[in-house]
Amino acid sequence: MKLELLNDIDIIKEVLSGNKASFKLLYQRYARKHMLTCLRYVKIKSDAEDLLQESYIKIYKDLGQFDEGKAKFGTWSNRIVINTCLMKLRKKNIFKDFRELFEGSKEVLIEANAVDHLSLQELTNLILQLPKGYRTVFNMYVIDGFTHQEIAESLNVSVSTSKSQLMKAKKALQNHLKPRDYSLFMSYA
């Protein structure tokens, strides 16, 4: 059987049994999704590419710890990508200066009913314009499904700070959208 036709578990078994070249198949299957995850946390493409590489080094090294009974490979590997991004943000001390967390978002001009016409790319661009603190909490809670407790522990902030940053991120996004069109963001409270 060709390696390309194998499922993730079979490919992982191939890698762990010594066929290290088959790891490339996992990379080809998931790199695009993981790159999009990296781009949600950092604005600069070259930084996202570096984070992707760091993530795949960790995925490769930790592949033996993957437990198919706990999660799918895509979910498990995406959590590694997110944690790699968060570690990078922590190293840059984005939460050291809380003034940035409480700044308002940058002005973005969007027509009144633009949400009806927003593409995923446009919505992503809007989220990327949030200050780093707002953006990080918004991504972790709304998109990646972390709880406020998990966010607080990951970012070394209080649960109330996590909740506050999420609400401020939503408010900043709402300021750019017509009031009746932002119910999408309010459903995640």
N, C-alpha and C. Protein backbone atom coordinates (compact mmCIF):
# COMPACT_ATOMS: atom_id res chain seq x y z
N MET A 1 0.84 -1.19 0.00
CA MET A 1 0.00 0.00 0.00
C MET A 1 0.88 1.24 0.00
N LYS A 2 0.47 2.24 -0.78
CA LYS A 2 1.21 3.49 -0.83
C LYS A 2 1.01 4.26 0.48
N LEU A 3 2.07 4.93 0.90
CA LEU A 3 1.99 5.70 2.14
C LEU A 3 0.94 6.78 2.07
N GLU A 4 0.74 7.38 0.89
CA GLU A 4 -0.23 8.47 0.73
C GLU A 4 -1.64 8.02 1.07
N LEU A 5 -1.93 6.74 0.94
CA LEU A 5 -3.27 6.21 1.18
C LEU A 5 -3.50 5.82 2.63
N LEU A 6 -2.47 5.86 3.45
CA LEU A 6 -2.59 5.48 4.85
C LEU A 6 -3.29 6.57 5.66
N ASN A 7 -3.97 6.17 6.72
CA ASN A 7 -4.56 7.17 7.61
C ASN A 7 -3.46 7.69 8.55
N ASP A 8 -3.80 8.70 9.33
CA ASP A 8 -2.81 9.33 10.21
C ASP A 8 -2.16 8.34 11.17
N ILE A 9 -2.96 7.45 11.76
CA ILE A 9 -2.44 6.50 12.74
C ILE A 9 -1.41 5.58 12.09
N ASP A 10 -1.73 5.11 10.89
CA ASP A 10 -0.79 4.22 10.19
C ASP A 10 0.50 4.94 9.83
N ILE A 11 0.38 6.20 9.43
CA ILE A 11 1.58 6.98 9.10
C ILE A 11 2.43 7.19 10.36
N ILE A 12 1.77 7.49 11.47
CA ILE A 12 2.49 7.68 12.74
C ILE A 12 3.23 6.39 13.11
N LYS A 13 2.56 5.27 12.94
CA LYS A 13 3.21 3.98 13.22
C LYS A 13 4.43 3.78 12.31
N GLU A 14 4.32 4.19 11.05
CA GLU A 14 5.45 4.10 10.11
C GLU A 14 6.62 4.96 10.61
N VAL A 15 6.32 6.18 11.03
CA VAL A 15 7.37 7.08 11.52
C VAL A 15 8.03 6.47 12.76
N LEU A 16 7.22 6.01 13.70
CA LEU A 16 7.75 5.47 14.95
C LEU A 16 8.52 4.16 14.76
N SER A 17 8.22 3.46 13.67
CA SER A 17 8.95 2.21 13.42
C SER A 17 10.25 2.45 12.64
N GLY A 18 10.56 3.72 12.37
CA GLY A 18 11.83 4.02 11.73
C GLY A 18 11.74 4.64 10.36
N ASN A 19 10.57 4.67 9.75
CA ASN A 19 10.40 5.28 8.43
C ASN A 19 10.16 6.78 8.61
N LYS A 20 11.22 7.48 8.93
CA LYS A 20 11.12 8.89 9.26
C LYS A 20 10.67 9.75 8.07
N ALA A 21 10.92 9.29 6.86
CA ALA A 21 10.52 10.03 5.66
C ALA A 21 9.00 10.15 5.56
N SER A 22 8.26 9.23 6.17
CA SER A 22 6.81 9.28 6.08
C SER A 22 6.22 10.44 6.89
N PHE A 23 7.02 11.04 7.76
CA PHE A 23 6.55 12.22 8.52
C PHE A 23 6.16 13.34 7.56
N LYS A 24 6.79 13.37 6.40
CA LYS A 24 6.49 14.38 5.39
C LYS A 24 5.01 14.34 5.00
N LEU A 25 4.41 13.15 5.01
CA LEU A 25 2.99 13.03 4.69
C LEU A 25 2.11 13.74 5.72
N LEU A 26 2.45 13.61 6.99
CA LEU A 26 1.71 14.33 8.02
C LEU A 26 1.86 15.84 7.83
N TYR A 27 3.08 16.24 7.52
CA TYR A 27 3.33 17.65 7.27
C TYR A 27 2.48 18.15 6.11
N GLN A 28 2.46 17.41 5.02
CA GLN A 28 1.69 17.82 3.85
C GLN A 28 0.19 17.88 4.14
N ARG A 29 -0.29 17.01 4.98
CA ARG A 29 -1.72 17.01 5.33
C ARG A 29 -2.13 18.16 6.22
N TYR A 30 -1.24 18.57 7.12
CA TYR A 30 -1.65 19.51 8.16
C TYR A 30 -0.95 20.87 8.13
N ALA A 31 0.08 21.03 7.37
CA ALA A 31 0.87 22.27 7.43
C ALA A 31 0.04 23.51 7.09
N ARG A 32 -0.84 23.43 6.12
CA ARG A 32 -1.64 24.60 5.74
C ARG A 32 -2.53 25.04 6.91
N LYS A 33 -3.22 24.08 7.52
CA LYS A 33 -4.08 24.38 8.67
C LYS A 33 -3.25 24.96 9.81
N HIS A 34 -2.11 24.36 10.08
CA HIS A 34 -1.26 24.83 11.16
C HIS A 34 -0.67 26.21 10.86
N MET A 35 -0.37 26.47 9.61
CA MET A 35 0.13 27.80 9.23
C MET A 35 -0.95 28.86 9.49
N LEU A 36 -2.18 28.54 9.18
CA LEU A 36 -3.27 29.48 9.45
C LEU A 36 -3.40 29.74 10.95
N THR A 37 -3.19 28.73 11.74
CA THR A 37 -3.20 28.91 13.20
C THR A 37 -2.09 29.86 13.62
N CYS A 38 -0.90 29.66 13.10
CA CYS A 38 0.23 30.54 13.43
C CYS A 38 -0.07 31.98 13.01
N LEU A 39 -0.67 32.15 11.85
CA LEU A 39 -0.96 33.50 11.36
C LEU A 39 -2.02 34.21 12.19
N ARG A 40 -2.82 33.47 12.93
CA ARG A 40 -3.79 34.11 13.82
C ARG A 40 -3.11 34.70 15.05
N TYR A 41 -1.92 34.20 15.39
CA TYR A 41 -1.23 34.68 16.59
C TYR A 41 -0.15 35.71 16.28
N VAL A 42 0.43 35.65 15.11
CA VAL A 42 1.44 36.64 14.72
C VAL A 42 1.08 37.21 13.36
N LYS A 43 1.40 38.47 13.15
CA LYS A 43 1.00 39.15 11.92
C LYS A 43 1.96 38.90 10.76
N ILE A 44 3.22 38.71 11.08
CA ILE A 44 4.25 38.65 10.03
C ILE A 44 4.40 37.21 9.55
N LYS A 45 4.29 37.03 8.23
CA LYS A 45 4.31 35.69 7.65
C LYS A 45 5.60 34.94 7.98
N SER A 46 6.73 35.61 7.93
CA SER A 46 8.00 34.93 8.21
C SER A 46 8.06 34.45 9.67
N ASP A 47 7.46 35.21 10.59
CA ASP A 47 7.38 34.77 11.99
C ASP A 47 6.48 33.53 12.10
N ALA A 48 5.38 33.55 11.36
CA ALA A 48 4.47 32.39 11.36
C ALA A 48 5.16 31.16 10.79
N GLU A 49 5.95 31.35 9.75
CA GLU A 49 6.69 30.22 9.16
C GLU A 49 7.69 29.65 10.15
N ASP A 50 8.37 30.53 10.89
CA ASP A 50 9.30 30.07 11.92
C ASP A 50 8.57 29.29 13.01
N LEU A 51 7.42 29.79 13.42
CA LEU A 51 6.63 29.09 14.43
C LEU A 51 6.16 27.73 13.92
N LEU A 52 5.80 27.67 12.65
CA LEU A 52 5.39 26.40 12.06
C LEU A 52 6.53 25.39 12.11
N GLN A 53 7.72 25.84 11.75
CA GLN A 53 8.89 24.95 11.79
C GLN A 53 9.17 24.47 13.21
N GLU A 54 9.15 25.39 14.16
CA GLU A 54 9.37 25.02 15.56
C GLU A 54 8.32 24.01 16.01
N SER A 55 7.09 24.23 15.59
CA SER A 55 6.00 23.34 15.96
C SER A 55 6.22 21.94 15.42
N TYR A 56 6.65 21.84 14.16
CA TYR A 56 6.84 20.52 13.57
C TYR A 56 8.04 19.79 14.16
N ILE A 57 9.01 20.51 14.62
CA ILE A 57 10.11 19.87 15.34
C ILE A 57 9.58 19.24 16.63
N LYS A 58 8.73 20.00 17.34
CA LYS A 58 8.14 19.49 18.58
C LYS A 58 7.20 18.31 18.30
N ILE A 59 6.40 18.43 17.25
CA ILE A 59 5.48 17.35 16.89
C ILE A 59 6.27 16.08 16.61
N TYR A 60 7.34 16.22 15.86
CA TYR A 60 8.16 15.06 15.51
C TYR A 60 8.77 14.43 16.77
N LYS A 61 9.33 15.28 17.63
CA LYS A 61 9.97 14.78 18.85
C LYS A 61 8.97 14.12 19.80
N ASP A 62 7.73 14.64 19.84
CA ASP A 62 6.72 14.15 20.78
C ASP A 62 5.77 13.12 20.18
N LEU A 63 6.00 12.72 18.95
CA LEU A 63 5.08 11.82 18.25
C LEU A 63 4.82 10.53 19.03
N GLY A 64 5.80 10.05 19.73
CA GLY A 64 5.63 8.84 20.53
C GLY A 64 4.66 9.02 21.68
N GLN A 65 4.40 10.27 22.08
CA GLN A 65 3.47 10.55 23.17
C GLN A 65 2.03 10.70 22.69
N PHE A 66 1.84 10.75 21.37
CA PHE A 66 0.49 10.89 20.83
C PHE A 66 -0.35 9.68 21.23
N ASP A 67 -1.56 9.93 21.73
CA ASP A 67 -2.47 8.87 22.15
C ASP A 67 -3.76 9.01 21.36
N GLU A 68 -3.95 8.12 20.40
CA GLU A 68 -5.13 8.19 19.54
C GLU A 68 -6.43 8.03 20.31
N GLY A 69 -6.38 7.49 21.52
CA GLY A 69 -7.57 7.35 22.35
C GLY A 69 -8.03 8.66 22.97
N LYS A 70 -7.14 9.63 23.03
CA LYS A 70 -7.47 10.92 23.64
C LYS A 70 -7.86 11.99 22.64
N ALA A 71 -7.29 11.95 21.45
CA ALA A 71 -7.58 12.99 20.46
C ALA A 71 -7.15 12.52 19.07
N LYS A 72 -7.70 13.18 18.08
CA LYS A 72 -7.24 12.94 16.72
C LYS A 72 -5.88 13.61 16.55
N PHE A 73 -5.10 13.14 15.59
CA PHE A 73 -3.79 13.73 15.39
C PHE A 73 -3.89 15.22 15.07
N GLY A 74 -4.86 15.61 14.26
CA GLY A 74 -5.02 17.02 13.89
C GLY A 74 -5.25 17.90 15.10
N THR A 75 -6.06 17.43 16.02
CA THR A 75 -6.34 18.18 17.25
C THR A 75 -5.10 18.24 18.14
N TRP A 76 -4.46 17.11 18.32
CA TRP A 76 -3.26 17.03 19.16
C TRP A 76 -2.16 17.92 18.61
N SER A 77 -1.91 17.81 17.31
CA SER A 77 -0.82 18.60 16.71
C SER A 77 -1.15 20.09 16.70
N ASN A 78 -2.42 20.44 16.54
CA ASN A 78 -2.79 21.85 16.55
C ASN A 78 -2.58 22.46 17.93
N ARG A 79 -2.79 21.66 18.97
CA ARG A 79 -2.54 22.15 20.33
C ARG A 79 -1.05 22.45 20.52
N ILE A 80 -0.19 21.64 19.93
CA ILE A 80 1.25 21.90 19.99
C ILE A 80 1.58 23.20 19.25
N VAL A 81 0.95 23.41 18.12
CA VAL A 81 1.17 24.65 17.35
C VAL A 81 0.74 25.85 18.17
N ILE A 82 -0.44 25.78 18.78
CA ILE A 82 -0.94 26.89 19.60
C ILE A 82 0.01 27.14 20.76
N ASN A 83 0.43 26.09 21.45
CA ASN A 83 1.35 26.26 22.58
C ASN A 83 2.68 26.85 22.15
N THR A 84 3.16 26.48 20.97
CA THR A 84 4.40 27.06 20.44
C THR A 84 4.21 28.56 20.20
N CYS A 85 3.07 28.93 19.64
CA CYS A 85 2.78 30.35 19.42
C CYS A 85 2.72 31.10 20.74
N LEU A 86 2.05 30.52 21.72
CA LEU A 86 1.91 31.17 23.02
C LEU A 86 3.26 31.32 23.71
N MET A 87 4.11 30.31 23.59
CA MET A 87 5.45 30.40 24.20
C MET A 87 6.23 31.55 23.56
N LYS A 88 6.10 31.70 22.26
CA LYS A 88 6.79 32.79 21.56
C LYS A 88 6.27 34.14 22.05
N LEU A 89 4.95 34.26 22.20
CA LEU A 89 4.37 35.50 22.70
C LEU A 89 4.82 35.79 24.13
N ARG A 90 4.90 34.74 24.94
CA ARG A 90 5.38 34.92 26.32
C ARG A 90 6.82 35.41 26.34
N LYS A 91 7.65 34.83 25.44
CA LYS A 91 9.05 35.25 25.39
C LYS A 91 9.17 36.72 25.01
N LYS A 92 8.24 37.19 24.20
CA LYS A 92 8.25 38.60 23.81
C LYS A 92 7.61 39.48 24.87
N ASN A 93 7.15 38.84 25.97
CA ASN A 93 6.55 39.55 27.10
C ASN A 93 5.39 40.44 26.71
N ILE A 94 4.48 39.92 25.87
CA ILE A 94 3.36 40.77 25.48
C ILE A 94 2.44 41.08 26.65
N PHE A 95 2.50 40.29 27.71
CA PHE A 95 1.64 40.56 28.84
C PHE A 95 2.37 41.28 29.97
N LYS A 96 3.62 41.61 29.76
CA LYS A 96 4.39 42.31 30.79
C LYS A 96 3.86 43.73 30.97
N ASP A 97 3.56 44.39 29.87
CA ASP A 97 3.07 45.75 29.91
C ASP A 97 1.56 45.73 29.68
N PHE A 98 0.78 45.80 30.75
CA PHE A 98 -0.66 45.68 30.62
C PHE A 98 -1.31 46.90 29.98
N ARG A 99 -0.57 47.97 29.78
CA ARG A 99 -1.16 49.12 29.09
C ARG A 99 -1.61 48.72 27.71
N GLU A 100 -0.83 47.88 27.02
CA GLU A 100 -1.23 47.46 25.68
C GLU A 100 -2.53 46.67 25.72
N LEU A 101 -2.74 45.89 26.76
CA LEU A 101 -3.96 45.09 26.85
C LEU A 101 -5.19 45.97 26.95
N PHE A 102 -5.04 47.15 27.50
CA PHE A 102 -6.20 47.98 27.73
C PHE A 102 -6.34 49.10 26.71
N GLU A 103 -5.46 49.14 25.72
CA GLU A 103 -5.59 50.12 24.66
C GLU A 103 -6.76 49.73 23.78
N GLY A 104 -7.38 50.71 23.15
CA GLY A 104 -8.43 50.42 22.20
C GLY A 104 -7.82 49.89 20.92
N SER A 105 -8.64 49.25 20.13
CA SER A 105 -8.13 48.71 18.88
C SER A 105 -7.92 49.84 17.88
N LYS A 106 -7.15 49.56 16.84
CA LYS A 106 -6.90 50.52 15.79
C LYS A 106 -8.17 50.74 15.00
N GLU A 107 -8.30 51.90 14.39
CA GLU A 107 -9.47 52.18 13.58
C GLU A 107 -9.43 51.39 12.29
N VAL A 108 -10.55 50.80 11.97
CA VAL A 108 -10.71 50.07 10.72
C VAL A 108 -11.99 50.58 10.09
N LEU A 109 -11.93 51.02 8.87
CA LEU A 109 -13.10 51.52 8.18
C LEU A 109 -13.78 50.39 7.43
N ILE A 110 -15.03 50.11 7.83
CA ILE A 110 -15.80 49.07 7.19
C ILE A 110 -17.19 49.64 6.93
N GLU A 111 -17.74 49.40 5.75
CA GLU A 111 -19.07 49.90 5.46
C GLU A 111 -20.09 49.30 6.42
N ALA A 112 -21.23 49.95 6.59
CA ALA A 112 -22.21 49.60 7.61
C ALA A 112 -22.65 48.13 7.58
N ASN A 113 -22.93 47.57 6.44
CA ASN A 113 -23.39 46.19 6.39
C ASN A 113 -22.31 45.25 5.88
N ALA A 114 -21.07 45.56 6.17
CA ALA A 114 -19.94 44.81 5.63
C ALA A 114 -19.88 43.38 6.14
N VAL A 115 -20.40 43.11 7.34
CA VAL A 115 -20.31 41.76 7.87
C VAL A 115 -20.97 40.75 6.94
N ASP A 116 -21.99 41.17 6.20
CA ASP A 116 -22.66 40.29 5.25
C ASP A 116 -21.74 39.90 4.11
N HIS A 117 -20.72 40.71 3.89
CA HIS A 117 -19.82 40.51 2.76
C HIS A 117 -18.41 40.13 3.17
N LEU A 118 -18.20 39.94 4.47
CA LEU A 118 -16.86 39.62 4.94
C LEU A 118 -16.47 38.19 4.55
N SER A 119 -15.30 38.07 4.00
CA SER A 119 -14.75 36.74 3.74
C SER A 119 -13.99 36.32 4.99
N LEU A 120 -13.60 35.07 5.03
CA LEU A 120 -12.79 34.58 6.15
C LEU A 120 -11.50 35.39 6.25
N GLN A 121 -10.90 35.71 5.11
CA GLN A 121 -9.66 36.49 5.10
C GLN A 121 -9.89 37.88 5.68
N GLU A 122 -11.02 38.51 5.31
CA GLU A 122 -11.31 39.85 5.83
C GLU A 122 -11.56 39.82 7.33
N LEU A 123 -12.29 38.80 7.78
CA LEU A 123 -12.53 38.67 9.21
C LEU A 123 -11.21 38.43 9.95
N THR A 124 -10.36 37.58 9.39
CA THR A 124 -9.05 37.34 9.98
C THR A 124 -8.24 38.62 10.06
N ASN A 125 -8.26 39.41 8.99
CA ASN A 125 -7.54 40.68 8.98
C ASN A 125 -8.07 41.63 10.04
N LEU A 126 -9.38 41.63 10.24
CA LEU A 126 -9.98 42.46 11.27
C LEU A 126 -9.50 42.03 12.66
N ILE A 127 -9.48 40.72 12.90
CA ILE A 127 -9.02 40.20 14.19
C ILE A 127 -7.53 40.53 14.39
N LEU A 128 -6.75 40.45 13.32
CA LEU A 128 -5.32 40.73 13.43
C LEU A 128 -5.04 42.18 13.82
N GLN A 129 -5.99 43.06 13.61
CA GLN A 129 -5.78 44.47 13.96
C GLN A 129 -6.03 44.75 15.43
N LEU A 130 -6.53 43.77 16.16
CA LEU A 130 -6.70 43.94 17.60
C LEU A 130 -5.33 44.00 18.26
N PRO A 131 -5.22 44.69 19.39
CA PRO A 131 -3.96 44.64 20.14
C PRO A 131 -3.62 43.18 20.48
N LYS A 132 -2.34 42.87 20.65
CA LYS A 132 -1.91 41.48 20.85
C LYS A 132 -2.65 40.78 21.98
N GLY A 133 -2.84 41.45 23.10
CA GLY A 133 -3.51 40.82 24.23
C GLY A 133 -4.93 40.44 23.90
N TYR A 134 -5.68 41.37 23.32
CA TYR A 134 -7.06 41.08 22.93
C TYR A 134 -7.08 39.93 21.93
N ARG A 135 -6.23 40.04 20.92
CA ARG A 135 -6.20 39.05 19.83
C ARG A 135 -5.88 37.66 20.36
N THR A 136 -4.92 37.58 21.26
CA THR A 136 -4.51 36.28 21.79
C THR A 136 -5.65 35.63 22.57
N VAL A 137 -6.28 36.37 23.46
CA VAL A 137 -7.38 35.82 24.24
C VAL A 137 -8.55 35.47 23.32
N PHE A 138 -8.88 36.34 22.37
CA PHE A 138 -9.97 36.07 21.43
C PHE A 138 -9.70 34.78 20.66
N ASN A 139 -8.51 34.65 20.11
CA ASN A 139 -8.15 33.43 19.37
C ASN A 139 -8.27 32.20 20.25
N MET A 140 -7.71 32.28 21.45
CA MET A 140 -7.69 31.11 22.32
C MET A 140 -9.11 30.69 22.73
N TYR A 141 -9.95 31.66 23.04
CA TYR A 141 -11.29 31.34 23.54
C TYR A 141 -12.26 31.02 22.42
N VAL A 142 -12.40 31.93 21.47
CA VAL A 142 -13.42 31.79 20.43
C VAL A 142 -13.03 30.77 19.38
N ILE A 143 -11.79 30.80 18.93
CA ILE A 143 -11.40 29.96 17.80
C ILE A 143 -10.81 28.63 18.25
N ASP A 144 -9.95 28.66 19.27
CA ASP A 144 -9.26 27.43 19.67
C ASP A 144 -9.97 26.66 20.79
N GLY A 145 -10.99 27.26 21.39
CA GLY A 145 -11.80 26.54 22.36
C GLY A 145 -11.22 26.38 23.75
N PHE A 146 -10.26 27.21 24.13
CA PHE A 146 -9.72 27.16 25.49
C PHE A 146 -10.77 27.74 26.45
N THR A 147 -10.75 27.29 27.70
CA THR A 147 -11.57 27.89 28.74
C THR A 147 -10.82 29.10 29.29
N HIS A 148 -11.55 29.93 30.03
CA HIS A 148 -10.87 31.08 30.65
C HIS A 148 -9.81 30.61 31.65
N GLN A 149 -10.07 29.51 32.33
CA GLN A 149 -9.08 28.97 33.28
C GLN A 149 -7.81 28.55 32.53
N GLU A 150 -7.97 27.87 31.40
CA GLU A 150 -6.81 27.44 30.61
C GLU A 150 -6.04 28.64 30.06
N ILE A 151 -6.78 29.65 29.62
CA ILE A 151 -6.13 30.87 29.11
C ILE A 151 -5.34 31.52 30.23
N ALA A 152 -5.96 31.65 31.39
CA ALA A 152 -5.29 32.28 32.53
C ALA A 152 -4.00 31.55 32.87
N GLU A 153 -4.05 30.23 32.90
CA GLU A 153 -2.86 29.45 33.22
C GLU A 153 -1.80 29.56 32.13
N SER A 154 -2.22 29.53 30.87
CA SER A 154 -1.27 29.61 29.76
C SER A 154 -0.57 30.95 29.68
N LEU A 155 -1.32 32.02 29.96
CA LEU A 155 -0.77 33.37 29.80
C LEU A 155 -0.30 33.98 31.11
N ASN A 156 -0.47 33.24 32.21
CA ASN A 156 -0.08 33.73 33.53
C ASN A 156 -0.80 35.03 33.88
N VAL A 157 -2.12 35.02 33.65
CA VAL A 157 -2.98 36.14 34.03
C VAL A 157 -4.14 35.56 34.83
N SER A 158 -4.96 36.41 35.41
CA SER A 158 -6.11 35.92 36.16
C SER A 158 -7.25 35.55 35.22
N VAL A 159 -8.17 34.76 35.71
CA VAL A 159 -9.36 34.40 34.93
C VAL A 159 -10.15 35.66 34.59
N SER A 160 -10.26 36.58 35.53
CA SER A 160 -11.01 37.80 35.27
C SER A 160 -10.33 38.65 34.19
N THR A 161 -9.00 38.62 34.13
CA THR A 161 -8.29 39.34 33.06
C THR A 161 -8.61 38.70 31.71
N SER A 162 -8.64 37.38 31.66
CA SER A 162 -8.99 36.68 30.43
C SER A 162 -10.39 37.08 29.98
N LYS A 163 -11.34 37.05 30.89
CA LYS A 163 -12.72 37.42 30.56
C LYS A 163 -12.81 38.87 30.10
N SER A 164 -12.10 39.73 30.80
CA SER A 164 -12.10 41.15 30.47
C SER A 164 -11.52 41.38 29.07
N GLN A 165 -10.42 40.71 28.77
CA GLN A 165 -9.80 40.89 27.45
C GLN A 165 -10.70 40.37 26.33
N LEU A 166 -11.39 39.28 26.59
CA LEU A 166 -12.33 38.75 25.59
C LEU A 166 -13.45 39.75 25.34
N MET A 167 -14.02 40.28 26.38
CA MET A 167 -15.10 41.26 26.21
C MET A 167 -14.61 42.51 25.49
N LYS A 168 -13.41 42.95 25.80
CA LYS A 168 -12.87 44.13 25.13
C LYS A 168 -12.57 43.84 23.67
N ALA A 169 -12.12 42.63 23.38
CA ALA A 169 -11.87 42.25 21.98
C ALA A 169 -13.18 42.25 21.21
N LYS A 170 -14.23 41.67 21.81
CA LYS A 170 -15.54 41.64 21.16
C LYS A 170 -16.05 43.06 20.93
N LYS A 171 -15.89 43.90 21.94
CA LYS A 171 -16.36 45.28 21.82
C LYS A 171 -15.61 46.01 20.71
N ALA A 172 -14.30 45.80 20.64
CA ALA A 172 -13.51 46.45 19.58
C ALA A 172 -13.98 45.97 18.20
N LEU A 173 -14.28 44.68 18.09
CA LEU A 173 -14.78 44.17 16.81
C LEU A 173 -16.18 44.70 16.52
N GLN A 174 -17.00 44.79 17.55
CA GLN A 174 -18.36 45.30 17.38
C GLN A 174 -18.36 46.74 16.91
N ASN A 175 -17.38 47.51 17.38
CA ASN A 175 -17.30 48.92 16.99
C ASN A 175 -17.13 49.08 15.48
N HIS A 176 -16.71 48.03 14.83
CA HIS A 176 -16.48 48.09 13.39
C HIS A 176 -17.62 47.48 12.58
N LEU A 177 -18.61 46.96 13.29
CA LEU A 177 -19.71 46.29 12.62
C LEU A 177 -21.03 46.91 13.04
N LYS A 178 -22.02 46.79 12.22
CA LYS A 178 -23.35 47.26 12.51
C LYS A 178 -23.90 46.47 13.71
N PRO A 179 -24.57 47.11 14.67
CA PRO A 179 -25.02 46.41 15.87
C PRO A 179 -25.79 45.12 15.60
N ARG A 180 -26.64 45.06 14.63
CA ARG A 180 -27.42 43.84 14.40
C ARG A 180 -26.59 42.73 13.77
N ASP A 181 -25.38 43.03 13.31
CA ASP A 181 -24.56 42.05 12.62
C ASP A 181 -23.50 41.42 13.50
N TYR A 182 -23.37 41.82 14.75
CA TYR A 182 -22.29 41.27 15.54
C TYR A 182 -22.72 40.18 16.50
N SER A 183 -23.91 39.66 16.35
CA SER A 183 -24.37 38.60 17.25
C SER A 183 -23.43 37.39 17.18
N LEU A 184 -22.71 37.23 16.07
CA LEU A 184 -21.74 36.16 15.92
C LEU A 184 -20.74 36.17 17.08
N PHE A 185 -20.28 37.35 17.46
CA PHE A 185 -19.26 37.44 18.49
C PHE A 185 -19.86 37.32 19.89
N MET A 186 -21.09 37.73 20.07
CA MET A 186 -21.70 37.73 21.40
C MET A 186 -22.10 36.32 21.82
N SER A 187 -22.22 35.42 20.92
CA SER A 187 -22.64 34.07 21.28
C SER A 187 -21.55 33.29 22.00
N TYR A 188 -20.37 33.84 22.13
CA TYR A 188 -19.25 33.12 22.76
C TYR A 188 -18.99 33.57 24.18
N ALA A 189 -19.87 34.38 24.76
CA ALA A 189 -19.61 34.93 26.09
C ALA A 189 -19.53 33.88 27.16
